[in-house]
């Protein structure tokens, strides 16, 4: 090991990888290891007993930080307003959580006087870039240690043997079918049969959503109320951000909504397959799109779509702590200002559709759009508009006709 560190803060989950990283850091860097656990809504099952596991692995202390409210208010809702979808499909569940985790990890490092940070990301994934880009922006003075890029262990049996040799307890087994990552916004599943794109995901892949064919036979309707693009009430009952997402995850998941089986392009260059479940996000995205169609003019809506595509790339690539992110979120916030109103969504067997929408800022006018007789729109005015709208095409055709006639005259 080339770096000399005295105290390192490790992003710790309690799983096999980070359980092995704790003693490995102590042995190879001769340093104190402080475990940091981010509660981003992954669930009580994953957090139960995590402090005891960290201490048993050799950590001097374990800091569990509740980030759920900050995650929802500062990352999820602002990103939702951009309309971000990576490669037109992915609601960025894993990528969304990384900035908030990395920032809290740096804060703990400052609090305990650490001179290094460590993570359990592999050298093949996106997360190593996301974490280390955040560390570079927030704490470039701290050494970053990525054990998966340094140690010789390459498999679960290697890690289990390493822990067994040191009498460190671990509940993991030698065989792990899937790799999962959960937070308030989603759960992702990789590995197992998913490594072959020709295999259909088995029932064991999905944990938050029922199979659409097994969902209730009757649809469920929800009225969602928004203020400036942020959800404020469900069925006319005011609700806070975290509670709203948790509630929508349960309701929509019971209808089989929010499943995505995707082969994506990783930042590091390879393709990977993942199955994502984002029930609340799928419903909220559809509802906001419905409200946008009512409120935004065409050019603003076109720009919001471009903004969403660009922000999805920025978020996926781990560029949250950049000036560009601030500029893009400011634009999204401005666009979302008139997005106040109510949307009714219909949940039915894996699908969500908008059935009703209203807003005090609606640009839809029945007086103008009606096919019946009206007094506010003179259809004769359309003639002049069309003539000017198509003027370039008219001039081009006249030039082409004149050129063709001249060519004909030159022929013997």
Protein backbone atom coordinates (compact mmCIF):
# COMPACT_ATOMS: atom_id res chain seq x y z
CA UNK A 1 0.00 0.00 0.00
CA UNK A 2 1.44 3.36 -1.04
CA UNK A 3 -0.75 5.69 1.02
CA UNK A 4 -0.14 6.30 4.71
CA UNK A 5 -3.36 6.86 6.65
CA UNK A 6 -4.26 6.92 10.31
CA UNK A 7 -8.05 6.89 10.30
CA UNK A 8 -10.40 5.93 7.46
CA UNK A 9 -14.17 6.27 7.21
CA UNK A 10 -15.66 3.34 5.32
CA UNK A 11 -19.05 3.39 3.60
CA UNK A 12 -20.36 0.29 5.36
CA UNK A 13 -23.43 -1.81 4.59
CA UNK A 14 -22.97 -4.86 6.78
CA UNK A 15 -22.75 -7.16 3.78
CA UNK A 16 -19.95 -9.55 2.92
CA UNK A 17 -17.77 -7.09 1.01
CA UNK A 18 -17.64 -4.33 3.60
CA UNK A 19 -17.36 -6.84 6.46
CA UNK A 20 -14.13 -8.04 4.85
CA UNK A 21 -12.94 -4.53 4.04
CA UNK A 22 -12.82 -3.49 7.72
CA UNK A 23 -10.11 -6.00 8.79
CA UNK A 24 -8.36 -5.69 5.42
CA UNK A 25 -7.93 -1.94 5.92
CA UNK A 26 -6.58 -2.42 9.43
CA UNK A 27 -4.10 -5.04 8.29
CA UNK A 28 -2.90 -3.35 5.11
CA UNK A 29 -2.97 0.28 6.15
CA UNK A 30 -2.44 -0.13 9.90
CA UNK A 31 -5.21 2.37 10.53
CA UNK A 32 -8.31 2.90 12.60
CA UNK A 33 -11.54 2.13 10.70
CA UNK A 34 -14.74 4.07 11.35
CA UNK A 35 -17.86 2.59 9.79
CA UNK A 36 -20.41 4.92 8.21
CA UNK A 37 -23.92 3.70 7.38
CA UNK A 38 -26.30 5.82 5.32
CA UNK A 39 -30.00 5.29 5.93
CA UNK A 40 -31.47 6.20 2.55
CA UNK A 41 -34.62 4.17 3.05
CA UNK A 42 -33.24 0.70 2.31
CA UNK A 43 -35.39 -0.75 5.09
CA UNK A 44 -35.12 -1.82 8.69
CA UNK A 45 -34.06 -5.37 7.77
CA UNK A 46 -30.82 -4.11 6.25
CA UNK A 47 -30.12 -1.75 9.13
CA UNK A 48 -30.93 -4.12 11.97
CA UNK A 49 -27.81 -5.07 13.89
CA UNK A 50 -25.51 -3.23 11.47
CA UNK A 51 -23.63 -1.38 14.23
CA UNK A 52 -22.87 -4.60 16.07
CA UNK A 53 -21.67 -6.19 12.81
CA UNK A 54 -19.33 -3.29 12.16
CA UNK A 55 -17.81 -3.48 15.64
CA UNK A 56 -17.47 -7.26 15.37
CA UNK A 57 -15.61 -6.81 12.09
CA UNK A 58 -13.10 -4.53 13.78
CA UNK A 59 -14.47 -1.01 13.34
CA UNK A 60 -13.75 1.35 16.21
CA UNK A 61 -17.20 2.93 15.90
CA UNK A 62 -20.23 3.03 13.61
CA UNK A 63 -22.12 6.15 12.59
CA UNK A 64 -25.65 5.60 11.25
CA UNK A 65 -26.99 8.73 9.57
CA UNK A 66 -30.65 9.14 8.60
CA UNK A 67 -30.65 10.76 5.15
CA UNK A 68 -34.16 9.88 3.99
CA UNK A 69 -35.72 13.36 4.24
CA UNK A 70 -32.69 15.03 2.71
CA UNK A 71 -32.64 12.41 -0.05
CA UNK A 72 -36.28 13.04 -0.91
CA UNK A 73 -36.25 16.84 -0.70
CA UNK A 74 -32.83 17.66 -2.09
CA UNK A 75 -32.34 14.94 -4.70
CA UNK A 76 -35.45 12.96 -5.63
CA UNK A 77 -38.00 15.75 -6.04
CA UNK A 78 -35.61 18.16 -7.82
CA UNK A 79 -34.51 15.40 -10.21
CA UNK A 80 -38.13 14.41 -10.84
CA UNK A 81 -38.83 17.97 -11.99
CA UNK A 82 -36.19 17.61 -14.70
CA UNK A 83 -37.99 14.57 -16.09
CA UNK A 84 -34.72 12.64 -16.11
CA UNK A 85 -34.78 9.14 -17.63
CA UNK A 86 -31.46 7.48 -18.41
CA UNK A 87 -31.53 6.00 -21.91
CA UNK A 88 -35.23 6.75 -22.03
CA UNK A 89 -36.16 4.21 -19.35
CA UNK A 90 -34.25 4.25 -16.07
CA UNK A 91 -35.40 6.49 -13.20
CA UNK A 92 -31.85 6.52 -11.80
CA UNK A 93 -32.61 4.89 -8.45
CA UNK A 94 -29.04 3.88 -7.61
CA UNK A 95 -27.39 6.98 -9.04
CA UNK A 96 -29.72 9.32 -7.14
CA UNK A 97 -28.60 8.07 -3.73
CA UNK A 98 -24.85 8.31 -4.28
CA UNK A 99 -24.33 12.09 -3.92
CA UNK A 100 -26.19 12.29 -0.63
CA UNK A 101 -24.31 9.26 0.75
CA UNK A 102 -20.92 10.56 -0.34
CA UNK A 103 -21.54 14.00 1.17
CA UNK A 104 -22.58 12.49 4.51
CA UNK A 105 -19.54 10.21 4.49
CA UNK A 106 -17.26 13.23 4.05
CA UNK A 107 -19.09 15.00 6.88
CA UNK A 108 -18.44 12.06 9.21
CA UNK A 109 -14.79 12.01 8.15
CA UNK A 110 -14.46 15.67 9.09
CA UNK A 111 -16.27 15.04 12.37
CA UNK A 112 -13.95 12.22 13.49
CA UNK A 113 -10.78 13.73 12.06
CA UNK A 114 -10.18 11.04 9.44
CA UNK A 115 -7.56 11.41 6.74
CA UNK A 116 -9.03 8.82 4.33
CA UNK A 117 -12.25 7.53 2.83
CA UNK A 118 -13.02 4.00 1.61
CA UNK A 119 -15.81 2.35 -0.38
CA UNK A 120 -16.71 -1.17 -1.44
CA UNK A 121 -17.44 -0.45 -5.12
CA UNK A 122 -15.94 -2.79 -7.69
CA UNK A 123 -13.64 -1.67 -10.47
CA UNK A 124 -16.23 -2.55 -13.11
CA UNK A 125 -19.16 -0.43 -11.98
CA UNK A 126 -20.47 3.11 -12.12
CA UNK A 127 -20.51 3.70 -8.37
CA UNK A 128 -16.75 3.97 -7.98
CA UNK A 129 -16.85 6.97 -10.32
CA UNK A 130 -19.85 8.52 -8.56
CA UNK A 131 -18.33 8.23 -5.08
CA UNK A 132 -14.85 9.33 -6.03
CA UNK A 133 -16.06 12.24 -8.14
CA UNK A 134 -18.03 13.43 -5.12
CA UNK A 135 -15.00 12.98 -2.85
CA UNK A 136 -12.88 14.98 -5.30
CA UNK A 137 -15.39 17.83 -5.26
CA UNK A 138 -15.93 17.86 -1.50
CA UNK A 139 -12.70 16.62 0.09
CA UNK A 140 -9.78 16.46 -2.35
CA UNK A 141 -7.38 16.42 0.58
CA UNK A 142 -8.57 13.01 1.80
CA UNK A 143 -7.01 9.80 0.53
CA UNK A 144 -9.48 7.45 -1.20
CA UNK A 145 -9.08 3.69 -0.83
CA UNK A 146 -10.92 1.26 -3.12
CA UNK A 147 -10.07 -2.27 -1.88
CA UNK A 148 -11.61 -4.05 -4.88
CA UNK A 149 -8.99 -2.36 -7.05
CA UNK A 150 -6.16 -3.38 -4.72
CA UNK A 151 -6.69 -6.73 -3.05
CA UNK A 152 -6.22 -10.16 -4.59
CA UNK A 153 -9.61 -11.56 -3.54
CA UNK A 154 -11.99 -12.07 -6.45
CA UNK A 155 -14.96 -14.13 -5.23
CA UNK A 156 -17.39 -14.66 -2.40
CA UNK A 157 -15.58 -17.83 -1.26
CA UNK A 158 -12.36 -15.79 -1.09
CA UNK A 159 -14.00 -13.21 1.15
CA UNK A 160 -15.69 -15.82 3.35
CA UNK A 161 -12.40 -17.65 3.79
CA UNK A 162 -10.69 -14.39 4.69
CA UNK A 163 -13.25 -13.69 7.41
CA UNK A 164 -13.22 -17.27 8.70
CA UNK A 165 -9.45 -17.15 9.12
CA UNK A 166 -9.92 -14.16 11.42
CA UNK A 167 -12.93 -15.56 13.29
CA UNK A 168 -15.08 -12.64 12.16
CA UNK A 169 -18.77 -13.64 12.07
CA UNK A 170 -20.67 -13.23 8.81
CA UNK A 171 -24.13 -14.50 7.89
CA UNK A 172 -23.38 -14.55 4.15
CA UNK A 173 -23.13 -17.84 2.26
CA UNK A 174 -20.78 -18.93 -0.51
CA UNK A 175 -23.57 -18.69 -3.07
CA UNK A 176 -25.37 -15.44 -3.67
CA UNK A 177 -27.81 -15.49 -6.55
CA UNK A 178 -28.44 -11.78 -6.87
CA UNK A 179 -26.83 -8.45 -6.11
CA UNK A 180 -29.40 -5.95 -4.85
CA UNK A 181 -29.35 -2.28 -3.97
CA UNK A 182 -32.34 -0.66 -2.27
CA UNK A 183 -33.23 2.83 -1.17
CA UNK A 184 -36.33 4.96 -0.71
CA UNK A 185 -36.75 5.40 -4.47
CA UNK A 186 -36.12 1.90 -5.86
CA UNK A 187 -34.56 -1.53 -5.63
CA UNK A 188 -32.21 -2.92 -8.26
CA UNK A 189 -31.37 -6.57 -8.91
CA UNK A 190 -28.45 -7.93 -10.92
CA UNK A 191 -26.75 -11.29 -11.35
CA UNK A 192 -28.12 -14.81 -11.44
CA UNK A 193 -30.07 -15.66 -14.57
CA UNK A 194 -30.05 -11.97 -15.53
CA UNK A 195 -26.45 -12.27 -16.73
CA UNK A 196 -27.83 -13.94 -19.86
CA UNK A 197 -30.10 -11.46 -21.71
CA UNK A 198 -31.94 -14.40 -23.26
CA UNK A 199 -33.27 -15.45 -19.85
CA UNK A 200 -36.57 -14.05 -18.66
CA UNK A 201 -36.37 -12.79 -15.07
CA UNK A 202 -37.71 -15.36 -12.63
CA UNK A 203 -40.28 -14.52 -9.97
CA UNK A 204 -37.47 -14.33 -7.38
CA UNK A 205 -36.01 -11.25 -9.10
CA UNK A 206 -38.93 -9.01 -8.17
CA UNK A 207 -39.32 -8.06 -4.51
CA UNK A 208 -41.34 -4.80 -4.40
CA UNK A 209 -43.91 -5.50 -7.11
CA UNK A 210 -46.36 -8.28 -7.81
CA UNK A 211 -46.54 -9.79 -11.27
CA UNK A 212 -48.97 -7.67 -13.32
CA UNK A 213 -51.03 -10.74 -14.21
CA UNK A 214 -51.48 -11.41 -10.49
CA UNK A 215 -52.41 -7.81 -9.66
CA UNK A 216 -56.00 -6.95 -8.61
CA UNK A 217 -58.69 -7.29 -11.25
CA UNK A 218 -60.08 -3.86 -10.38
CA UNK A 219 -58.12 -0.67 -11.07
CA UNK A 220 -57.29 1.80 -8.33
CA UNK A 221 -57.52 5.56 -8.78
CA UNK A 222 -55.38 8.10 -6.92
CA UNK A 223 -55.63 11.87 -6.93
CA UNK A 224 -52.19 13.44 -6.69
CA UNK A 225 -51.84 17.14 -5.90
CA UNK A 226 -48.75 19.11 -6.86
CA UNK A 227 -47.42 22.54 -5.97
CA UNK A 228 -44.68 23.88 -8.27
CA UNK A 229 -43.91 20.32 -9.37
CA UNK A 230 -43.67 18.79 -5.87
CA UNK A 231 -46.23 16.30 -4.58
CA UNK A 232 -48.14 17.76 -1.63
CA UNK A 233 -51.20 15.52 -1.17
CA UNK A 234 -52.59 12.09 -2.04
CA UNK A 235 -56.37 11.83 -2.28
CA UNK A 236 -56.61 15.33 -0.82
CA UNK A 237 -54.62 14.34 2.29
CA UNK A 238 -51.46 16.41 2.79
CA UNK A 239 -48.38 14.23 2.98
CA UNK A 240 -44.63 14.74 3.43
CA UNK A 241 -42.14 13.61 0.79
CA UNK A 242 -40.75 10.48 2.44
CA UNK A 243 -44.16 9.22 3.55
CA UNK A 244 -45.59 9.90 0.09
CA UNK A 245 -42.91 7.89 -1.67
CA UNK A 246 -43.24 5.01 0.80
CA UNK A 247 -47.02 4.99 0.43
CA UNK A 248 -46.93 5.10 -3.36
CA UNK A 249 -44.34 2.33 -3.45
CA UNK A 250 -46.74 0.04 -1.58
CA UNK A 251 -49.88 1.02 -3.49
CA UNK A 252 -48.35 0.94 -6.97
CA UNK A 253 -46.23 -2.13 -6.20
CA UNK A 254 -49.40 -4.05 -5.34
CA UNK A 255 -50.60 -3.32 -8.89
CA UNK A 256 -47.37 -4.52 -10.49
CA UNK A 257 -46.29 -1.02 -11.50
CA UNK A 258 -42.70 0.11 -11.83
CA UNK A 259 -40.85 -2.91 -13.25
CA UNK A 260 -38.00 -2.40 -15.72
CA UNK A 261 -35.75 -5.05 -17.27
CA UNK A 262 -32.96 -3.13 -18.97
CA UNK A 263 -29.59 -3.60 -20.66
CA UNK A 264 -27.81 -0.28 -20.16
CA UNK A 265 -24.54 1.33 -21.12
CA UNK A 266 -22.36 1.75 -18.06
CA UNK A 267 -20.14 4.78 -17.68
CA UNK A 268 -17.04 2.56 -17.67
CA UNK A 269 -17.84 1.30 -21.17
CA UNK A 270 -19.47 -2.11 -20.76
CA UNK A 271 -23.12 -3.07 -20.99
CA UNK A 272 -24.93 -4.51 -17.98
CA UNK A 273 -28.38 -5.88 -17.32
CA UNK A 274 -30.43 -4.86 -14.35
CA UNK A 275 -34.00 -5.24 -13.18
CA UNK A 276 -35.33 -2.15 -11.45
CA UNK A 277 -38.48 -1.62 -9.42
CA UNK A 278 -39.55 2.00 -8.96
CA UNK A 279 -43.30 1.99 -8.24
CA UNK A 280 -43.66 5.46 -6.72
CA UNK A 281 -41.33 7.02 -9.25
CA UNK A 282 -43.22 5.55 -12.19
CA UNK A 283 -46.51 6.96 -10.90
CA UNK A 284 -45.07 10.39 -10.09
CA UNK A 285 -43.30 10.65 -13.44
CA UNK A 286 -46.52 9.86 -15.33
CA UNK A 287 -48.55 12.31 -13.22
CA UNK A 288 -46.09 15.17 -13.74
CA UNK A 289 -46.02 14.50 -17.48
CA UNK A 290 -49.80 14.77 -17.48
CA UNK A 291 -49.65 18.08 -15.65
CA UNK A 292 -46.93 19.37 -17.97
CA UNK A 293 -49.08 18.66 -21.02
CA UNK A 294 -51.76 20.91 -19.56
CA UNK A 295 -49.58 23.77 -18.37
CA UNK A 296 -46.40 24.10 -20.43
CA UNK A 297 -46.31 25.69 -23.87
CA UNK A 298 -44.74 23.68 -26.66
CA UNK A 299 -41.28 25.26 -26.73
CA UNK A 300 -40.92 25.09 -22.94
CA UNK A 301 -42.03 21.46 -22.92
CA UNK A 302 -39.57 20.63 -25.70
CA UNK A 303 -36.78 22.23 -23.70
CA UNK A 304 -37.79 20.36 -20.54
CA UNK A 305 -37.52 17.09 -22.48
CA UNK A 306 -33.99 17.98 -23.63
CA UNK A 307 -33.12 19.06 -20.10
CA UNK A 308 -34.35 15.73 -18.75
CA UNK A 309 -32.18 13.77 -21.16
CA UNK A 310 -29.10 15.83 -20.34
CA UNK A 311 -29.69 15.73 -16.60
CA UNK A 312 -30.13 11.95 -16.67
CA UNK A 313 -26.69 11.65 -18.26
CA UNK A 314 -25.19 14.04 -15.72
CA UNK A 315 -26.69 12.14 -12.81
CA UNK A 316 -25.76 8.72 -14.17
CA UNK A 317 -22.18 9.86 -14.71
CA UNK A 318 -21.75 11.10 -11.14
CA UNK A 319 -21.54 14.83 -11.86
CA UNK A 320 -23.87 16.02 -9.10
CA UNK A 321 -21.29 18.26 -7.44
CA UNK A 322 -20.72 20.47 -10.47
CA UNK A 323 -21.81 23.98 -11.47
CA UNK A 324 -23.68 22.49 -14.41
CA UNK A 325 -25.95 20.55 -12.04
CA UNK A 326 -26.87 23.78 -10.27
CA UNK A 327 -27.66 25.48 -13.57
CA UNK A 328 -29.82 22.60 -14.78
CA UNK A 329 -31.74 22.27 -11.53
CA UNK A 330 -32.36 26.01 -11.51
CA UNK A 331 -33.84 25.73 -15.00
CA UNK A 332 -36.00 22.78 -13.96
CA UNK A 333 -37.22 24.66 -10.89
CA UNK A 334 -38.22 27.62 -13.05
CA UNK A 335 -40.04 25.40 -15.53
CA UNK A 336 -41.87 23.67 -12.67
CA UNK A 337 -43.20 26.87 -11.08
CA UNK A 338 -46.60 26.67 -12.85
CA UNK A 339 -46.92 22.89 -12.28
CA UNK A 340 -49.59 23.27 -9.63
CA UNK A 341 -52.75 21.24 -9.85
CA UNK A 342 -54.38 17.83 -9.48
CA UNK A 343 -53.88 14.67 -11.48
CA UNK A 344 -55.89 11.46 -11.24
CA UNK A 345 -53.96 8.32 -12.16
CA UNK A 346 -55.37 4.87 -12.86
CA UNK A 347 -53.31 1.92 -11.61
CA UNK A 348 -54.08 -1.35 -13.31
CA UNK A 349 -52.03 -4.51 -13.89
CA UNK A 350 -48.61 -2.99 -14.34
CA UNK A 351 -49.74 0.21 -16.03
CA UNK A 352 -50.31 3.76 -14.86
CA UNK A 353 -52.35 6.17 -16.94
CA UNK A 354 -53.53 9.73 -16.38
CA UNK A 355 -57.31 9.97 -16.56
CA UNK A 356 -57.96 13.49 -15.24
CA UNK A 357 -55.95 16.66 -14.80
CA UNK A 358 -56.61 20.26 -13.82
CA UNK A 359 -54.56 23.32 -12.97
CA UNK A 360 -55.17 27.00 -12.30
CA UNK A 361 -52.29 27.58 -14.75
CA UNK A 362 -53.73 25.45 -17.55
CA UNK A 363 -53.12 26.73 -21.06
CA UNK A 364 -55.89 24.52 -22.40
CA UNK A 365 -58.95 26.53 -23.41
CA UNK A 366 -62.10 24.78 -24.50
CA UNK A 367 -63.22 28.03 -26.10
CA UNK A 368 -60.30 27.80 -28.51
CA UNK A 369 -60.05 24.04 -28.97
CA UNK A 370 -63.74 23.23 -29.46
CA UNK A 371 -65.01 21.90 -32.78
CA UNK A 372 -68.25 23.74 -32.17
CA UNK A 373 -68.89 27.32 -33.19
CA UNK A 374 -66.89 29.86 -31.18
CA UNK A 375 -66.40 33.61 -31.06
CA UNK A 376 -62.76 33.79 -30.09
CA UNK A 377 -61.05 32.11 -33.05
CA UNK A 378 -61.59 33.06 -36.67
CA UNK A 379 -60.53 30.10 -38.78
CA UNK A 380 -59.83 32.38 -41.76
CA UNK A 381 -56.83 33.74 -39.85
CA UNK A 382 -55.12 30.37 -40.23
CA UNK A 383 -54.56 31.00 -43.95
CA UNK A 384 -52.07 33.80 -43.38
CA UNK A 385 -50.32 31.86 -40.64
CA UNK A 386 -49.87 28.82 -42.88
CA UNK A 387 -48.60 30.94 -45.76
CA UNK A 388 -45.91 32.50 -43.57
CA UNK A 389 -45.16 29.21 -41.78
CA UNK A 390 -44.47 27.48 -45.09
CA UNK A 391 -42.77 30.45 -46.80
CA UNK A 392 -39.31 28.86 -46.89
CA UNK A 393 -40.70 25.74 -48.59
CA UNK A 394 -42.56 27.90 -51.09
CA UNK A 395 -39.41 29.89 -51.99
CA UNK A 396 -37.30 26.74 -52.26
CA UNK A 397 -39.77 25.16 -54.66
CA UNK A 398 -39.88 28.33 -56.80
CA UNK A 399 -36.07 28.31 -57.05
CA UNK A 400 -36.04 24.62 -57.99
CA UNK A 401 -38.71 25.16 -60.64
CA UNK A 402 -36.86 28.15 -62.15
CA UNK A 403 -33.61 26.17 -62.24
CA UNK A 404 -35.29 23.25 -63.95
CA UNK A 405 -36.88 25.52 -66.56
CA UNK A 406 -33.51 27.18 -67.26
CA UNK A 407 -31.86 23.78 -67.67
CA UNK A 408 -34.55 22.74 -70.15
CA UNK A 409 -33.98 25.86 -72.25
CA UNK A 410 -30.26 25.12 -72.47
CA UNK A 411 -30.82 21.66 -73.91
CA UNK A 412 -30.63 21.48 -77.73
